[in-house]
Amino acid sequence: EDEEEASKRIWEGIWQIDLGSSDGTDLGWRDRAEEDLRVLESVLFETIPCYTTPLAGHIWAVFEQIKGICSTFSPGQRVAIVIASDGVPNQPQSFLDAMAELQKLPVYLIVRLCTNDEASFQFWTTLDLDLDIAIEILDDFEAEAEAAFTMNPWCNYCMPLQRAREWGFRTKLLESLRERPLTHDELRDYCALIFGVKPDLLPDPTVDWATFYYDIEALNAREKRQFNPLEKRNRGWIDLKAMAKMYGGKAEVARRKVVMEARKQEEKMRKERQRVLELKKKARAKSSARSNEKKALPRTSILSRKQDPDAIGLGHC
């Protein structure tokens, strides 16, 4: 009951900033969601990004909206503000003033750059130096995948990861993918995040590498393969060979040695089974030939031999 009341309070807080019905009538939350979606689609399809970048006014409006509902947030809850921009704001100082006020609220900022302009890139990447606010700068899909591959070549940075980050999902693991190689502990946490298991259920790769490898191999095999933008084909979420090369060390050498010994033993047993089958096959063939030979050589009667001298066996002497 308490959860239901809390959920209701959160919904009411959220709907304080929705667009609502165009005719002013009071709608239920489902009707309001459908109405919001209709208005959002009309705005997206009728608006063409061009000319200037009037971000300052929009940031001030977002500030007022979040300020009105932040009292309903749970402890630790924050708002993700996603800015997709192809340039520098028209009024940089007004924009910075709005951001300075915004950083007083429980928010974090995600900037999806839609440009290769050097000035724009420089402005956004240095924004966190002027503000005390969490900011994540996202490039396009292929650029993010290439950066992640450079630092962590075992990781298939696929579209679900890009979309999750663009829409507000934020974790230090995904940010670190493109900044540096992950540690062993971070590797386990990343795999737990991707495959939807608790990190404690996966073994510590520094303690039991072989078990960790086989667990990741099994989890990787059950997931649908994802498009890799660098190789232009579908691949698994984790490149096991690259992961083993990067993190396995001596433990991976020992694991591969065990695997090779098991394969040799299996091959030896296979050859032995094949040899036994061949022997049984030859024995059956020999037995069958003897049986056919007895049937093909019936005894000749003495009477027929007397009538036909050649049948006696000495007729040609």
C-alpha atoms as a PDB file:
ATOM      1  CA  GLU A   1       0.000   0.000   0.000  1.00  0.00           C
ATOM      2  CA  ASP A   2       2.871   2.366   0.820  1.00  0.00           C
ATOM      3  CA  GLU A   3       4.507   1.577  -2.536  1.00  0.00           C
ATOM      4  CA  GLU A   4       1.234   2.280  -4.312  1.00  0.00           C
ATOM      5  CA  GLU A   5       0.898   5.664  -2.606  1.00  0.00           C
ATOM      6  CA  ALA A   6       4.524   6.506  -3.402  1.00  0.00           C
ATOM      7  CA  SER A   7       4.002   5.509  -7.028  1.00  0.00           C
ATOM      8  CA  LYS A   8       0.897   7.662  -7.196  1.00  0.00           C
ATOM      9  CA  ARG A   9       2.769  10.641  -5.742  1.00  0.00           C
ATOM     10  CA  ILE A  10       5.577  10.216  -8.280  1.00  0.00           C
ATOM     11  CA  TRP A  11       3.096  10.004 -11.154  1.00  0.00           C
ATOM     12  CA  GLU A  12       1.349  13.149  -9.999  1.00  0.00           C
ATOM     13  CA  GLY A  13       4.699  14.941  -9.837  1.00  0.00           C
ATOM     14  CA  ILE A  14       5.643  13.825 -13.310  1.00  0.00           C
ATOM     15  CA  TRP A  15       2.361  14.908 -14.819  1.00  0.00           C
ATOM     16  CA  GLN A  16       2.783  18.422 -13.502  1.00  0.00           C
ATOM     17  CA  ILE A  17       5.130  19.009 -16.433  1.00  0.00           C
ATOM     18  CA  ASP A  18       3.306  17.115 -19.188  1.00  0.00           C
ATOM     19  CA  LEU A  19       1.635  18.887 -22.069  1.00  0.00           C
ATOM     20  CA  GLY A  20      -1.818  17.630 -21.070  1.00  0.00           C
ATOM     21  CA  SER A  21      -4.892  17.824 -23.213  1.00  0.00           C
ATOM     22  CA  SER A  22      -5.148  20.561 -25.805  1.00  0.00           C
ATOM     23  CA  ASP A  23      -8.755  21.357 -24.830  1.00  0.00           C
ATOM     24  CA  GLY A  24      -8.006  21.677 -21.086  1.00  0.00           C
ATOM     25  CA  THR A  25      -9.982  18.644 -19.958  1.00  0.00           C
ATOM     26  CA  ASP A  26      -8.662  16.474 -17.130  1.00  0.00           C
ATOM     27  CA  LEU A  27      -7.465  13.139 -18.514  1.00  0.00           C
ATOM     28  CA  GLY A  28      -6.307   9.925 -16.901  1.00  0.00           C
ATOM     29  CA  TRP A  29      -2.593   9.107 -16.948  1.00  0.00           C
ATOM     30  CA  ARG A  30      -2.963   6.680 -19.891  1.00  0.00           C
ATOM     31  CA  ASP A  31      -4.922   9.214 -21.935  1.00  0.00           C
ATOM     32  CA  ARG A  32      -2.383  11.879 -21.029  1.00  0.00           C
ATOM     33  CA  ALA A  33       0.454   9.632 -22.170  1.00  0.00           C
ATOM     34  CA  GLU A  34      -1.263   9.075 -25.526  1.00  0.00           C
ATOM     35  CA  GLU A  35      -1.920  12.802 -25.860  1.00  0.00           C
ATOM     36  CA  ASP A  36       1.717  13.601 -25.017  1.00  0.00           C
ATOM     37  CA  LEU A  37       2.920  11.084 -27.571  1.00  0.00           C
ATOM     38  CA  ARG A  38       0.669  12.570 -30.266  1.00  0.00           C
ATOM     39  CA  VAL A  39       1.943  16.103 -29.564  1.00  0.00           C
ATOM     40  CA  LEU A  40       5.567  14.906 -29.416  1.00  0.00           C
ATOM     41  CA  GLU A  41       5.264  13.128 -32.779  1.00  0.00           C
ATOM     42  CA  SER A  42       3.727  16.196 -34.394  1.00  0.00           C
ATOM     43  CA  VAL A  43       6.551  18.390 -33.069  1.00  0.00           C
ATOM     44  CA  LEU A  44       9.254  15.983 -34.229  1.00  0.00           C
ATOM     45  CA  PHE A  45       7.808  15.558 -37.724  1.00  0.00           C
ATOM     46  CA  GLU A  46       7.024  19.230 -38.253  1.00  0.00           C
ATOM     47  CA  THR A  47      10.308  20.639 -36.919  1.00  0.00           C
ATOM     48  CA  ILE A  48      13.444  20.769 -39.057  1.00  0.00           C
ATOM     49  CA  PRO A  49      16.743  21.417 -37.215  1.00  0.00           C
ATOM     50  CA  CYS A  50      18.464  24.338 -38.928  1.00  0.00           C
ATOM     51  CA  TYR A  51      20.012  27.773 -38.537  1.00  0.00           C
ATOM     52  CA  THR A  52      20.677  28.731 -34.891  1.00  0.00           C
ATOM     53  CA  THR A  53      20.928  26.879 -31.567  1.00  0.00           C
ATOM     54  CA  PRO A  54      18.539  28.555 -29.070  1.00  0.00           C
ATOM     55  CA  LEU A  55      19.350  26.351 -26.091  1.00  0.00           C
ATOM     56  CA  ALA A  56      19.407  28.955 -23.316  1.00  0.00           C
ATOM     57  CA  GLY A  57      15.627  29.504 -23.238  1.00  0.00           C
ATOM     58  CA  HIS A  58      14.949  25.771 -23.270  1.00  0.00           C
ATOM     59  CA  ILE A  59      17.343  25.122 -20.395  1.00  0.00           C
ATOM     60  CA  TRP A  60      15.616  27.836 -18.323  1.00  0.00           C
ATOM     61  CA  ALA A  61      12.255  26.176 -19.052  1.00  0.00           C
ATOM     62  CA  VAL A  62      13.610  22.764 -18.053  1.00  0.00           C
ATOM     63  CA  PHE A  63      14.979  24.296 -14.849  1.00  0.00           C
ATOM     64  CA  GLU A  64      11.533  25.601 -13.871  1.00  0.00           C
ATOM     65  CA  GLN A  65       9.898  22.250 -14.665  1.00  0.00           C
ATOM     66  CA  ILE A  66      12.338  20.186 -12.616  1.00  0.00           C
ATOM     67  CA  LYS A  67      12.266  22.690  -9.741  1.00  0.00           C
ATOM     68  CA  GLY A  68       8.503  22.155  -9.501  1.00  0.00           C
ATOM     69  CA  ILE A  69       8.707  18.396  -9.065  1.00  0.00           C
ATOM     70  CA  CYS A  70      12.059  17.740  -7.345  1.00  0.00           C
ATOM     71  CA  SER A  71      10.329  17.607  -3.947  1.00  0.00           C
ATOM     72  CA  THR A  72       8.647  14.355  -5.045  1.00  0.00           C
ATOM     73  CA  PHE A  73      11.950  12.587  -5.851  1.00  0.00           C
ATOM     74  CA  SER A  74      13.147   9.615  -3.862  1.00  0.00           C
ATOM     75  CA  PRO A  75      16.562   9.847  -2.175  1.00  0.00           C
ATOM     76  CA  GLY A  76      19.260   9.565  -4.836  1.00  0.00           C
ATOM     77  CA  GLN A  77      16.807  10.007  -7.707  1.00  0.00           C
ATOM     78  CA  ARG A  78      17.938  12.357 -10.460  1.00  0.00           C
ATOM     79  CA  VAL A  79      16.683  13.673 -13.774  1.00  0.00           C
ATOM     80  CA  ALA A  80      18.539  12.923 -16.987  1.00  0.00           C
ATOM     81  CA  ILE A  81      18.629  15.898 -19.354  1.00  0.00           C
ATOM     82  CA  VAL A  82      19.520  14.874 -22.904  1.00  0.00           C
ATOM     83  CA  ILE A  83      20.688  17.590 -25.314  1.00  0.00           C
ATOM     84  CA  ALA A  84      21.133  16.659 -28.976  1.00  0.00           C
ATOM     85  CA  SER A  85      22.947  19.578 -30.585  1.00  0.00           C
ATOM     86  CA  ASP A  86      24.910  20.379 -33.718  1.00  0.00           C
ATOM     87  CA  GLY A  87      26.497  23.621 -32.525  1.00  0.00           C
ATOM     88  CA  VAL A  88      27.270  26.190 -29.850  1.00  0.00           C
ATOM     89  CA  PRO A  89      24.317  27.916 -28.094  1.00  0.00           C
ATOM     90  CA  ASN A  90      23.322  31.289 -29.537  1.00  0.00           C
ATOM     91  CA  GLN A  91      23.780  32.991 -26.166  1.00  0.00           C
ATOM     92  CA  PRO A  92      26.640  31.119 -24.481  1.00  0.00           C
ATOM     93  CA  GLN A  93      26.648  33.241 -21.330  1.00  0.00           C
ATOM     94  CA  SER A  94      22.882  32.972 -20.804  1.00  0.00           C
ATOM     95  CA  PHE A  95      23.197  29.225 -21.400  1.00  0.00           C
ATOM     96  CA  LEU A  96      25.989  28.956 -18.822  1.00  0.00           C
ATOM     97  CA  ASP A  97      23.903  30.956 -16.322  1.00  0.00           C
ATOM     98  CA  ALA A  98      20.990  28.570 -16.826  1.00  0.00           C
ATOM     99  CA  MET A  99      23.301  25.587 -16.393  1.00  0.00           C
ATOM    100  CA  ALA A 100      24.715  27.119 -13.211  1.00  0.00           C
ATOM    101  CA  GLU A 101      21.196  27.271 -11.767  1.00  0.00           C
ATOM    102  CA  LEU A 102      20.410  23.809 -13.079  1.00  0.00           C
ATOM    103  CA  GLN A 103      23.344  22.260 -11.247  1.00  0.00           C
ATOM    104  CA  LYS A 104      21.643  23.114  -7.954  1.00  0.00           C
ATOM    105  CA  LEU A 105      18.998  20.496  -8.766  1.00  0.00           C
ATOM    106  CA  PRO A 106      19.388  16.662  -8.779  1.00  0.00           C
ATOM    107  CA  VAL A 107      20.198  16.308 -12.477  1.00  0.00           C
ATOM    108  CA  TYR A 108      22.870  15.026 -14.799  1.00  0.00           C
ATOM    109  CA  LEU A 109      23.464  16.040 -18.380  1.00  0.00           C
ATOM    110  CA  ILE A 110      23.935  13.931 -21.509  1.00  0.00           C
ATOM    111  CA  VAL A 111      25.065  15.750 -24.645  1.00  0.00           C
ATOM    112  CA  ARG A 112      24.631  13.880 -27.920  1.00  0.00           C
ATOM    113  CA  LEU A 113      26.862  15.696 -30.406  1.00  0.00           C
ATOM    114  CA  CYS A 114      25.519  15.718 -33.953  1.00  0.00           C
ATOM    115  CA  THR A 115      28.416  17.541 -35.591  1.00  0.00           C
ATOM    116  CA  ASN A 116      32.096  17.301 -36.469  1.00  0.00           C
ATOM    117  CA  ASP A 117      32.641  21.023 -35.980  1.00  0.00           C
ATOM    118  CA  GLU A 118      35.791  21.521 -33.911  1.00  0.00           C
ATOM    119  CA  ALA A 119      34.536  24.665 -32.138  1.00  0.00           C
ATOM    120  CA  SER A 120      31.320  22.949 -31.073  1.00  0.00           C
ATOM    121  CA  PHE A 121      33.199  19.901 -29.891  1.00  0.00           C
ATOM    122  CA  GLN A 122      35.579  22.041 -27.853  1.00  0.00           C
ATOM    123  CA  PHE A 123      32.728  23.982 -26.226  1.00  0.00           C
ATOM    124  CA  TRP A 124      30.836  20.900 -25.076  1.00  0.00           C
ATOM    125  CA  THR A 125      33.811  18.828 -23.979  1.00  0.00           C
ATOM    126  CA  THR A 126      35.094  21.643 -21.734  1.00  0.00           C
ATOM    127  CA  LEU A 127      31.677  22.460 -20.280  1.00  0.00           C
ATOM    128  CA  ASP A 128      32.284  20.338 -17.182  1.00  0.00           C
ATOM    129  CA  LEU A 129      35.282  22.532 -16.339  1.00  0.00           C
ATOM    130  CA  ASP A 130      32.983  25.522 -15.805  1.00  0.00           C
ATOM    131  CA  LEU A 131      30.183  23.699 -14.004  1.00  0.00           C
ATOM    132  CA  ASP A 132      29.863  21.397 -11.033  1.00  0.00           C
ATOM    133  CA  ILE A 133      27.500  19.014 -12.805  1.00  0.00           C
ATOM    134  CA  ALA A 134      27.817  15.480 -14.148  1.00  0.00           C
ATOM    135  CA  ILE A 135      28.110  15.693 -17.936  1.00  0.00           C
ATOM    136  CA  GLU A 136      28.547  12.868 -20.419  1.00  0.00           C
ATOM    137  CA  ILE A 137      29.460  13.682 -24.016  1.00  0.00           C
ATOM    138  CA  LEU A 138      28.299  11.136 -26.606  1.00  0.00           C
ATOM    139  CA  ASP A 139      29.526  10.906 -30.172  1.00  0.00           C
ATOM    140  CA  ASP A 140      27.843   8.966 -32.973  1.00  0.00           C
ATOM    141  CA  PHE A 141      27.474   5.177 -32.835  1.00  0.00           C
ATOM    142  CA  GLU A 142      30.532   4.233 -34.903  1.00  0.00           C
ATOM    143  CA  ALA A 143      32.819   6.742 -33.164  1.00  0.00           C
ATOM    144  CA  GLU A 144      31.792   5.459 -29.722  1.00  0.00           C
ATOM    145  CA  ALA A 145      32.257   1.853 -30.855  1.00  0.00           C
ATOM    146  CA  GLU A 146      35.716   2.600 -32.233  1.00  0.00           C
ATOM    147  CA  ALA A 147      36.771   4.354 -29.015  1.00  0.00           C
ATOM    148  CA  ALA A 148      35.508   1.433 -26.908  1.00  0.00           C
ATOM    149  CA  PHE A 149      37.283  -1.092 -29.149  1.00  0.00           C
ATOM    150  CA  THR A 150      40.564   0.810 -28.889  1.00  0.00           C
ATOM    151  CA  MET A 151      40.610   0.476 -25.089  1.00  0.00           C
ATOM    152  CA  ASN A 152      38.636  -2.760 -24.703  1.00  0.00           C
ATOM    153  CA  PRO A 153      38.866  -4.860 -27.898  1.00  0.00           C
ATOM    154  CA  TRP A 154      36.894  -7.709 -26.321  1.00  0.00           C
ATOM    155  CA  CYS A 155      33.747  -5.565 -26.083  1.00  0.00           C
ATOM    156  CA  ASN A 156      31.160  -5.433 -28.861  1.00  0.00           C
ATOM    157  CA  TYR A 157      29.820  -1.894 -28.449  1.00  0.00           C
ATOM    158  CA  CYS A 158      26.459  -2.455 -30.113  1.00  0.00           C
ATOM    159  CA  MET A 159      23.402  -0.291 -30.664  1.00  0.00           C
ATOM    160  CA  PRO A 160      21.527  -1.193 -27.427  1.00  0.00           C
ATOM    161  CA  LEU A 161      24.424   0.282 -25.421  1.00  0.00           C
ATOM    162  CA  GLN A 162      24.413   3.472 -27.479  1.00  0.00           C
ATOM    163  CA  ARG A 163      20.642   3.884 -27.208  1.00  0.00           C
ATOM    164  CA  ALA A 164      20.647   3.259 -23.452  1.00  0.00           C
ATOM    165  CA  ARG A 165      23.267   5.959 -22.929  1.00  0.00           C
ATOM    166  CA  GLU A 166      21.491   8.408 -25.245  1.00  0.00           C
ATOM    167  CA  TRP A 167      18.264   8.037 -23.285  1.00  0.00           C
ATOM    168  CA  GLY A 168      19.718   8.636 -19.846  1.00  0.00           C
ATOM    169  CA  PHE A 169      21.130   5.341 -18.572  1.00  0.00           C
ATOM    170  CA  ARG A 170      24.346   6.301 -16.855  1.00  0.00           C
ATOM    171  CA  THR A 171      26.993   4.126 -15.269  1.00  0.00           C
ATOM    172  CA  LYS A 172      30.709   4.632 -14.796  1.00  0.00           C
ATOM    173  CA  LEU A 173      31.379   1.299 -16.503  1.00  0.00           C
ATOM    174  CA  LEU A 174      30.048   2.459 -19.875  1.00  0.00           C
ATOM    175  CA  GLU A 175      31.887   5.755 -19.580  1.00  0.00           C
ATOM    176  CA  SER A 176      35.149   3.948 -18.804  1.00  0.00           C
ATOM    177  CA  LEU A 177      34.857   1.707 -21.868  1.00  0.00           C
ATOM    178  CA  ARG A 178      36.223   4.421 -24.128  1.00  0.00           C
ATOM    179  CA  GLU A 179      38.608   5.982 -21.602  1.00  0.00           C
ATOM    180  CA  ARG A 180      40.784   3.077 -20.441  1.00  0.00           C
ATOM    181  CA  PRO A 181      40.947  -0.729 -20.206  1.00  0.00           C
ATOM    182  CA  LEU A 182      38.603  -2.068 -17.548  1.00  0.00           C
ATOM    183  CA  THR A 183      40.049  -3.780 -14.510  1.00  0.00           C
ATOM    184  CA  HIS A 184      39.260  -7.411 -13.667  1.00  0.00           C
ATOM    185  CA  ASP A 185      36.595  -6.348 -11.180  1.00  0.00           C
ATOM    186  CA  GLU A 186      35.085  -3.953 -13.705  1.00  0.00           C
ATOM    187  CA  LEU A 187      35.110  -6.713 -16.315  1.00  0.00           C
ATOM    188  CA  ARG A 188      33.016  -8.892 -14.003  1.00  0.00           C
ATOM    189  CA  ASP A 189      30.662  -5.993 -13.214  1.00  0.00           C
ATOM    190  CA  TYR A 190      30.284  -5.176 -16.913  1.00  0.00           C
ATOM    191  CA  CYS A 191      29.446  -8.776 -17.807  1.00  0.00           C
ATOM    192  CA  ALA A 192      26.938  -8.912 -14.947  1.00  0.00           C
ATOM    193  CA  LEU A 193      25.338  -5.701 -16.226  1.00  0.00           C
ATOM    194  CA  ILE A 194      25.149  -6.881 -19.836  1.00  0.00           C
ATOM    195  CA  PHE A 195      23.858 -10.378 -19.119  1.00  0.00           C
ATOM    196  CA  GLY A 196      21.508  -9.372 -16.312  1.00  0.00           C
ATOM    197  CA  VAL A 197      23.017 -11.323 -13.412  1.00  0.00           C
ATOM    198  CA  LYS A 198      24.281 -10.269 -10.000  1.00  0.00           C
ATOM    199  CA  PRO A 199      28.041  -9.639  -9.900  1.00  0.00           C
ATOM    200  CA  ASP A 200      28.355 -11.850  -6.800  1.00  0.00           C
ATOM    201  CA  LEU A 201      27.111 -14.841  -8.814  1.00  0.00           C
ATOM    202  CA  LEU A 202      30.094 -14.613 -11.155  1.00  0.00           C
ATOM    203  CA  PRO A 203      33.450 -15.888  -9.892  1.00  0.00           C
ATOM    204  CA  ASP A 204      36.329 -13.510  -9.361  1.00  0.00           C
ATOM    205  CA  PRO A 205      38.409 -13.651 -12.579  1.00  0.00           C
ATOM    206  CA  THR A 206      41.607 -13.081 -10.601  1.00  0.00           C
ATOM    207  CA  VAL A 207      40.897 -16.110  -8.389  1.00  0.00           C
ATOM    208  CA  ASP A 208      39.083 -18.612 -10.643  1.00  0.00           C
ATOM    209  CA  TRP A 209      39.646 -17.554 -14.216  1.00  0.00           C
ATOM    210  CA  ALA A 210      38.598 -20.845 -15.820  1.00  0.00           C
ATOM    211  CA  THR A 211      35.166 -20.885 -14.164  1.00  0.00           C
ATOM    212  CA  PHE A 212      34.671 -17.200 -14.962  1.00  0.00           C
ATOM    213  CA  TYR A 213      35.565 -17.842 -18.620  1.00  0.00           C
ATOM    214  CA  TYR A 214      33.147 -20.755 -18.987  1.00  0.00           C
ATOM    215  CA  ASP A 215      30.341 -18.835 -17.250  1.00  0.00           C
ATOM    216  CA  ILE A 216      30.783 -15.895 -19.624  1.00  0.00           C
ATOM    217  CA  GLU A 217      30.968 -18.290 -22.561  1.00  0.00           C
ATOM    218  CA  ALA A 218      27.617 -19.812 -21.575  1.00  0.00           C
ATOM    219  CA  LEU A 219      25.970 -16.430 -20.954  1.00  0.00           C
ATOM    220  CA  ASN A 220      27.327 -15.059 -24.228  1.00  0.00           C
ATOM    221  CA  ALA A 221      26.001 -18.034 -26.194  1.00  0.00           C
ATOM    222  CA  ARG A 222      22.420 -17.631 -24.970  1.00  0.00           C
ATOM    223  CA  GLU A 223      22.164 -13.987 -26.061  1.00  0.00           C
ATOM    224  CA  LYS A 224      21.223 -12.824 -29.532  1.00  0.00           C
ATOM    225  CA  ARG A 225      24.207 -11.710 -31.612  1.00  0.00           C
ATOM    226  CA  GLN A 226      24.421  -7.957 -32.185  1.00  0.00           C
ATOM    227  CA  PHE A 227      25.621  -5.895 -35.140  1.00  0.00           C
ATOM    228  CA  ASN A 228      29.226  -4.778 -34.778  1.00  0.00           C
ATOM    229  CA  PRO A 229      29.658  -1.393 -36.545  1.00  0.00           C
ATOM    230  CA  LEU A 230      33.410  -1.894 -37.010  1.00  0.00           C
ATOM    231  CA  GLU A 231      33.289  -5.382 -38.535  1.00  0.00           C
ATOM    232  CA  LYS A 232      29.926  -4.786 -40.265  1.00  0.00           C
ATOM    233  CA  ARG A 233      28.513  -8.111 -39.137  1.00  0.00           C
ATOM    234  CA  ASN A 234      26.752  -9.684 -36.167  1.00  0.00           C
ATOM    235  CA  ARG A 235      28.963 -10.733 -33.274  1.00  0.00           C
ATOM    236  CA  GLY A 236      28.514 -11.821 -29.683  1.00  0.00           C
ATOM    237  CA  TRP A 237      28.454  -9.282 -26.880  1.00  0.00           C
ATOM    238  CA  ILE A 238      31.869 -10.488 -25.703  1.00  0.00           C
ATOM    239  CA  ASP A 239      34.828 -11.579 -27.836  1.00  0.00           C
ATOM    240  CA  LEU A 240      35.995 -14.469 -25.653  1.00  0.00           C
ATOM    241  CA  LYS A 241      39.342 -14.888 -27.387  1.00  0.00           C
ATOM    242  CA  ALA A 242      40.198 -11.186 -27.018  1.00  0.00           C
ATOM    243  CA  MET A 243      38.979 -11.184 -23.407  1.00  0.00           C
ATOM    244  CA  ALA A 244      41.141 -14.185 -22.552  1.00  0.00           C
ATOM    245  CA  LYS A 245      44.164 -12.636 -24.218  1.00  0.00           C
ATOM    246  CA  MET A 246      43.731  -9.370 -22.320  1.00  0.00           C
ATOM    247  CA  TYR A 247      42.804 -10.663 -18.852  1.00  0.00           C
ATOM    248  CA  GLY A 248      43.673 -14.369 -18.668  1.00  0.00           C
ATOM    249  CA  GLY A 249      47.442 -14.245 -18.224  1.00  0.00           C
ATOM    250  CA  LYS A 250      49.002 -17.437 -16.835  1.00  0.00           C
ATOM    251  CA  ALA A 251      45.560 -18.691 -15.772  1.00  0.00           C
ATOM    252  CA  GLU A 252      44.451 -18.622 -19.409  1.00  0.00           C
ATOM    253  CA  VAL A 253      47.580 -20.542 -20.449  1.00  0.00           C
ATOM    254  CA  ALA A 254      46.757 -23.192 -17.854  1.00  0.00           C
ATOM    255  CA  ARG A 255      43.125 -23.312 -18.984  1.00  0.00           C
ATOM    256  CA  ARG A 256      44.105 -23.752 -22.629  1.00  0.00           C
ATOM    257  CA  LYS A 257      46.571 -26.471 -21.650  1.00  0.00           C
ATOM    258  CA  VAL A 258      43.791 -28.370 -19.893  1.00  0.00           C
ATOM    259  CA  VAL A 259      41.560 -27.899 -22.915  1.00  0.00           C
ATOM    260  CA  MET A 260      44.260 -29.177 -25.282  1.00  0.00           C
ATOM    261  CA  GLU A 261      44.899 -32.230 -23.093  1.00  0.00           C
ATOM    262  CA  ALA A 262      41.167 -32.944 -22.977  1.00  0.00           C
ATOM    263  CA  ARG A 263      40.951 -32.627 -26.758  1.00  0.00           C
ATOM    264  CA  LYS A 264      43.898 -34.980 -27.233  1.00  0.00           C
ATOM    265  CA  GLN A 265      42.307 -37.499 -24.890  1.00  0.00           C
ATOM    266  CA  GLU A 266      39.001 -37.170 -26.674  1.00  0.00           C
ATOM    267  CA  GLU A 267      40.697 -37.631 -30.046  1.00  0.00           C
ATOM    268  CA  LYS A 268      42.506 -40.689 -28.736  1.00  0.00           C
ATOM    269  CA  MET A 269      39.248 -42.179 -27.494  1.00  0.00           C
ATOM    270  CA  ARG A 270      37.580 -41.359 -30.802  1.00  0.00           C
ATOM    271  CA  LYS A 271      40.296 -43.172 -32.744  1.00  0.00           C
ATOM    272  CA  GLU A 272      40.041 -46.150 -30.382  1.00  0.00           C
ATOM    273  CA  ARG A 273      36.269 -46.295 -30.894  1.00  0.00           C
ATOM    274  CA  GLN A 274      36.813 -46.046 -34.638  1.00  0.00           C
ATOM    275  CA  ARG A 275      39.366 -48.870 -34.525  1.00  0.00           C
ATOM    276  CA  VAL A 276      36.972 -51.109 -32.572  1.00  0.00           C
ATOM    277  CA  LEU A 277      34.183 -50.372 -35.030  1.00  0.00           C
ATOM    278  CA  GLU A 278      36.468 -51.225 -37.950  1.00  0.00           C
ATOM    279  CA  LEU A 279      37.434 -54.527 -36.321  1.00  0.00           C
ATOM    280  CA  LYS A 280      33.791 -55.394 -35.701  1.00  0.00           C
ATOM    281  CA  LYS A 281      32.966 -54.455 -39.272  1.00  0.00           C
ATOM    282  CA  LYS A 282      35.727 -56.675 -40.636  1.00  0.00           C
ATOM    283  CA  ALA A 283      34.642 -59.560 -38.387  1.00  0.00           C
ATOM    284  CA  ARG A 284      31.056 -59.266 -39.593  1.00  0.00           C
ATOM    285  CA  ALA A 285      32.214 -59.098 -43.213  1.00  0.00           C
ATOM    286  CA  LYS A 286      34.416 -62.187 -42.776  1.00  0.00           C
ATOM    287  CA  SER A 287      31.611 -64.109 -41.086  1.00  0.00           C
ATOM    288  CA  SER A 288      29.205 -63.127 -43.832  1.00  0.00           C
ATOM    289  CA  ALA A 289      31.687 -64.206 -46.533  1.00  0.00           C
ATOM    290  CA  ARG A 290      32.111 -67.662 -44.952  1.00  0.00           C
ATOM    291  CA  SER A 291      28.372 -68.092 -44.751  1.00  0.00           C
ATOM    292  CA  ASN A 292      27.959 -67.172 -48.428  1.00  0.00           C
ATOM    293  CA  GLU A 293      30.799 -69.493 -49.450  1.00  0.00           C
ATOM    294  CA  LYS A 294      29.126 -72.481 -47.848  1.00  0.00           C
ATOM    295  CA  LYS A 295      25.873 -71.699 -49.606  1.00  0.00           C
ATOM    296  CA  ALA A 296      27.564 -71.203 -52.997  1.00  0.00           C
ATOM    297  CA  LEU A 297      29.389 -74.619 -53.027  1.00  0.00           C
ATOM    298  CA  PRO A 298      26.806 -77.435 -52.690  1.00  0.00           C
ATOM    299  CA  ARG A 299      28.026 -81.089 -52.785  1.00  0.00           C
ATOM    300  CA  THR A 300      27.789 -82.878 -56.166  1.00  0.00           C
ATOM    301  CA  SER A 301      26.088 -86.268 -56.106  1.00  0.00           C
ATOM    302  CA  ILE A 302      28.065 -89.368 -57.092  1.00  0.00           C
ATOM    303  CA  LEU A 303      25.526 -90.146 -59.805  1.00  0.00           C
ATOM    304  CA  SER A 304      26.053 -86.851 -61.597  1.00  0.00           C
ATOM    305  CA  ARG A 305      29.811 -87.339 -61.422  1.00  0.00           C
ATOM    306  CA  LYS A 306      29.558 -90.706 -63.196  1.00  0.00           C
ATOM    307  CA  GLN A 307      27.442 -89.219 -65.939  1.00  0.00           C
ATOM    308  CA  ASP A 308      29.745 -86.237 -66.406  1.00  0.00           C
ATOM    309  CA  PRO A 309      33.449 -87.142 -66.280  1.00  0.00           C
ATOM    310  CA  ASP A 310      34.460 -83.507 -66.021  1.00  0.00           C
ATOM    311  CA  ALA A 311      32.568 -83.236 -62.752  1.00  0.00           C
ATOM    312  CA  ILE A 312      34.812 -85.891 -61.136  1.00  0.00           C
ATOM    313  CA  GLY A 313      37.767 -83.575 -61.251  1.00  0.00           C
ATOM    314  CA  LEU A 314      40.085 -85.897 -63.260  1.00  0.00           C
ATOM    315  CA  GLY A 315      38.314 -85.611 -66.621  1.00  0.00           C
ATOM    316  CA  HIS A 316      40.925 -83.301 -68.103  1.00  0.00           C
ATOM    317  CA  CYS A 317      43.937 -85.475 -67.157  1.00  0.00           C
END
